[in-house]
Amino acid sequence: MDAVRVALLREVLAGTEWLGATRRFAGTLRGSVVSYGGGLLLVGTAEYEPWHLAAHLVDEAAWSGTPELAPTLVRHDARPSDPAHLSVGPGRLAAARRSETLLVVSPRGPGAPLLERVHDARRAGATVLALGDGGAELTAMAHESLTVPDGAELDLDSVQHLVSAAVGENALPSPSRGRRRFRDRLSRLADELTAPPPARW
């Protein structure tokens, strides 16, 4: 989903709680990762791996000049022979520490092994964020959660797009982050293209 489509989705959602909820969650994610200098672990369930969110976060990290937002995708079926960025397995969660943030994306309640690993990461001091309808146990374990229940106006994929776009937009620019200006211009262009025509009198 490109910037224009995200802008259209935001226009459709104007007046709903989704825009505020996704921006708040994105702000928490960004604040947690940037304040500790990075270390974002992204994990789904054995049945659902958040590939698209990982890719969008990498893009937002580059476009916003905030490298801390680029996640490490933790995969349940990772093999040592996989490329380096795809070979990180669930054992990485056991090494999570206080300076790291763990984002769990789960359409439905994760199984006991993942819950146990998330619990261990939290106990070690990692910040745990949950996105999806991951069930009561995961929600209770998370420092912050954004629930996307079955039958909601938006599906989990659309919510992930809104969150990833908001994470990049909420990043604070600095003089050394020249690419941020291009992203600002692109966002303004998307807003102009999707704005209703001016009223004529």
Protein backbone atom coordinates (compact mmCIF):
# COMPACT_ATOMS: atom_id res chain seq x y z
CA MET A 1 0.00 0.00 0.00
CA ASP A 2 1.63 3.27 -1.12
CA ALA A 3 1.36 6.74 0.42
CA VAL A 4 -1.62 7.70 -1.77
CA ARG A 5 -3.60 4.62 -0.74
CA VAL A 6 -2.78 5.21 2.92
CA ALA A 7 -4.01 8.79 2.54
CA LEU A 8 -7.25 7.53 0.93
CA LEU A 9 -7.72 5.00 3.72
CA ARG A 10 -7.24 7.75 6.29
CA GLU A 11 -9.83 9.87 4.51
CA VAL A 12 -12.34 7.02 4.63
CA LEU A 13 -11.62 6.50 8.32
CA ALA A 14 -11.94 10.17 9.27
CA GLY A 15 -14.16 10.47 12.33
CA THR A 16 -13.53 6.90 13.49
CA GLU A 17 -11.34 5.82 16.40
CA TRP A 18 -8.91 3.97 14.12
CA LEU A 19 -6.79 6.96 13.13
CA GLY A 20 -6.15 8.03 16.70
CA ALA A 21 -5.62 4.46 17.88
CA THR A 22 -3.09 3.59 15.17
CA ARG A 23 -1.21 6.87 15.66
CA ARG A 24 -1.05 6.36 19.44
CA PHE A 25 0.23 2.81 19.01
CA ALA A 26 2.76 3.98 16.40
CA GLY A 27 3.91 6.71 18.78
CA THR A 28 4.44 4.18 21.54
CA LEU A 29 6.37 1.91 19.18
CA ARG A 30 8.55 4.72 17.89
CA GLY A 31 9.15 6.14 21.36
CA SER A 32 10.14 2.78 22.77
CA VAL A 33 12.52 1.91 19.95
CA VAL A 34 14.14 5.32 19.44
CA SER A 35 14.58 6.11 23.13
CA TYR A 36 16.56 2.90 23.63
CA GLY A 37 18.55 3.27 20.41
CA GLY A 38 16.95 0.46 18.45
CA GLY A 39 16.55 -3.23 18.91
CA LEU A 40 13.10 -3.90 17.45
CA LEU A 41 12.15 -7.56 17.29
CA LEU A 42 9.08 -8.38 15.17
CA VAL A 43 7.40 -11.76 15.53
CA GLY A 44 4.16 -13.34 14.41
CA THR A 45 2.76 -16.78 15.02
CA ALA A 46 3.72 -20.04 13.35
CA GLU A 47 0.70 -19.58 11.07
CA TYR A 48 1.10 -15.83 10.45
CA GLU A 49 4.41 -14.10 9.82
CA PRO A 50 4.23 -10.29 9.45
CA TRP A 51 6.35 -10.03 6.27
CA HIS A 52 4.62 -6.93 4.96
CA LEU A 53 4.91 -5.03 8.22
CA ALA A 54 8.62 -5.86 8.38
CA ALA A 55 9.12 -4.54 4.84
CA HIS A 56 7.14 -1.36 5.51
CA LEU A 57 9.03 -0.66 8.74
CA VAL A 58 12.32 -1.02 6.87
CA ASP A 59 11.05 1.48 4.27
CA GLU A 60 9.82 3.90 6.93
CA ALA A 61 13.14 3.63 8.75
CA ALA A 62 14.96 4.65 5.58
CA TRP A 63 12.51 7.37 4.49
CA SER A 64 12.29 8.99 7.92
CA GLY A 65 16.00 8.73 8.61
CA THR A 66 15.28 6.68 11.72
CA PRO A 67 17.28 3.44 11.38
CA GLU A 68 16.12 2.25 14.80
CA LEU A 69 12.71 1.44 13.28
CA ALA A 70 14.10 -1.30 11.03
CA PRO A 71 13.06 -4.58 12.71
CA THR A 72 14.61 -7.98 13.06
CA LEU A 73 12.00 -10.42 11.77
CA VAL A 74 11.86 -13.48 14.03
CA ARG A 75 10.63 -16.51 12.07
CA HIS A 76 9.29 -19.75 13.50
CA ASP A 77 10.66 -21.91 10.70
CA ALA A 78 13.97 -20.11 10.14
CA ARG A 79 16.85 -22.26 8.92
CA PRO A 80 20.58 -21.52 9.14
CA SER A 81 20.76 -21.81 5.34
CA ASP A 82 18.31 -18.91 4.88
CA PRO A 83 19.61 -15.43 3.99
CA ALA A 84 20.83 -13.58 7.09
CA HIS A 85 17.76 -11.34 7.38
CA LEU A 86 15.46 -14.39 7.26
CA SER A 87 17.44 -16.78 9.44
CA VAL A 88 16.56 -15.41 12.90
CA GLY A 89 14.58 -18.02 14.83
CA PRO A 90 12.49 -17.92 18.02
CA GLY A 91 15.59 -18.50 20.13
CA ARG A 92 16.38 -14.80 19.57
CA LEU A 93 13.48 -13.91 21.88
CA ALA A 94 15.29 -15.61 24.76
CA ALA A 95 18.13 -13.11 24.30
CA ALA A 96 15.83 -10.04 24.40
CA ARG A 97 16.98 -7.44 26.89
CA ARG A 98 15.86 -4.21 28.55
CA SER A 99 16.99 -2.02 25.62
CA GLU A 100 14.85 -3.94 23.11
CA THR A 101 11.25 -3.78 21.99
CA LEU A 102 9.29 -6.88 21.01
CA LEU A 103 6.33 -6.34 18.68
CA VAL A 104 4.03 -9.38 18.49
CA VAL A 105 1.58 -9.48 15.58
CA SER A 106 -1.07 -12.13 16.05
CA PRO A 107 -4.46 -12.43 14.35
CA ARG A 108 -5.52 -14.98 16.97
CA GLY A 109 -4.15 -16.16 20.28
CA PRO A 110 -0.56 -17.37 19.93
CA GLY A 111 0.33 -20.82 21.15
CA ALA A 112 1.83 -21.56 24.55
CA PRO A 113 5.46 -21.76 23.34
CA LEU A 114 5.34 -18.21 21.90
CA LEU A 115 3.53 -16.85 24.95
CA GLU A 116 6.22 -18.35 27.16
CA ARG A 117 8.98 -16.73 25.08
CA VAL A 118 7.19 -13.36 25.16
CA HIS A 119 6.79 -13.68 28.92
CA ASP A 120 10.52 -14.41 29.29
CA ALA A 121 11.40 -11.39 27.14
CA ARG A 122 9.21 -9.15 29.25
CA ARG A 123 10.68 -10.54 32.46
CA ALA A 124 14.16 -9.75 31.08
CA GLY A 125 13.07 -6.12 30.69
CA ALA A 126 12.09 -5.89 27.00
CA THR A 127 9.12 -3.68 26.11
CA VAL A 128 6.32 -5.85 24.70
CA LEU A 129 3.78 -4.47 22.24
CA ALA A 130 0.90 -6.51 20.79
CA LEU A 131 -0.97 -5.91 17.54
CA GLY A 132 -3.99 -7.98 16.48
CA ASP A 133 -6.51 -10.11 18.32
CA GLY A 134 -3.86 -12.09 20.11
CA GLY A 135 -6.07 -13.09 22.98
CA ALA A 136 -6.37 -12.03 26.60
CA GLU A 137 -3.07 -13.56 27.76
CA LEU A 138 -0.96 -11.68 25.21
CA THR A 139 -2.87 -8.44 25.76
CA ALA A 140 -2.34 -8.69 29.53
CA MET A 141 1.36 -9.36 29.01
CA ALA A 142 1.90 -6.41 26.66
CA HIS A 143 2.89 -2.95 27.83
CA GLU A 144 0.74 -1.57 25.00
CA SER A 145 -1.68 -3.30 22.64
CA LEU A 146 -3.85 -2.45 19.66
CA THR A 147 -6.66 -4.95 19.26
CA VAL A 148 -8.08 -5.76 15.82
CA PRO A 149 -11.00 -8.10 16.50
CA ASP A 150 -12.63 -10.33 13.90
CA GLY A 151 -15.42 -8.47 12.16
CA ALA A 152 -13.89 -5.03 12.74
CA GLU A 153 -14.20 -2.32 10.07
CA LEU A 154 -10.52 -2.84 9.26
CA ASP A 155 -8.55 -6.03 8.81
CA LEU A 156 -5.16 -6.60 10.41
CA ASP A 157 -3.32 -5.90 7.16
CA SER A 158 -4.85 -2.42 6.82
CA VAL A 159 -4.12 -1.60 10.47
CA GLN A 160 -0.48 -2.60 9.97
CA HIS A 161 -0.24 -0.19 7.02
CA LEU A 162 -1.66 2.64 9.11
CA VAL A 163 0.70 1.90 12.00
CA SER A 164 3.82 1.64 9.83
CA ALA A 165 2.98 4.89 7.99
CA ALA A 166 2.35 6.70 11.27
CA VAL A 167 5.61 5.44 12.78
CA GLY A 168 7.59 7.07 9.98
CA GLU A 169 5.59 10.29 10.00
CA ASN A 170 5.89 10.70 13.75
CA ALA A 171 9.68 10.49 13.62
CA LEU A 172 11.33 13.71 14.69
CA PRO A 173 13.48 15.13 11.90
CA SER A 174 17.03 16.22 12.54
CA PRO A 175 19.40 18.29 10.41
CA SER A 176 21.26 15.13 9.35
CA ARG A 177 18.12 13.46 8.08
CA GLY A 178 17.73 15.06 4.67
CA ARG A 179 15.56 12.27 3.25
CA ARG A 180 12.83 13.26 5.70
CA ARG A 181 12.09 16.35 3.59
CA PHE A 182 11.34 14.21 0.54
CA ARG A 183 8.97 12.06 2.64
CA ASP A 184 7.21 15.21 3.87
CA ARG A 185 6.75 16.44 0.31
CA LEU A 186 5.42 13.06 -0.80
CA SER A 187 2.96 12.99 2.09
CA ARG A 188 1.77 16.52 1.30
CA LEU A 189 1.34 15.58 -2.37
CA ALA A 190 -0.72 12.52 -1.40
CA ASP A 191 -2.92 14.71 0.80
CA GLU A 192 -3.41 17.23 -2.01
CA LEU A 193 -4.26 14.53 -4.55
CA THR A 194 -6.88 13.00 -2.29
CA ALA A 195 -8.37 16.24 -0.95
CA PRO A 196 -11.88 17.18 -2.12
CA PRO A 197 -12.02 20.00 -4.71
CA PRO A 198 -12.41 23.51 -3.26
CA ALA A 199 -15.94 24.87 -3.09
CA ARG A 200 -16.84 27.30 -5.86
CA TRP A 201 -19.15 30.20 -5.17
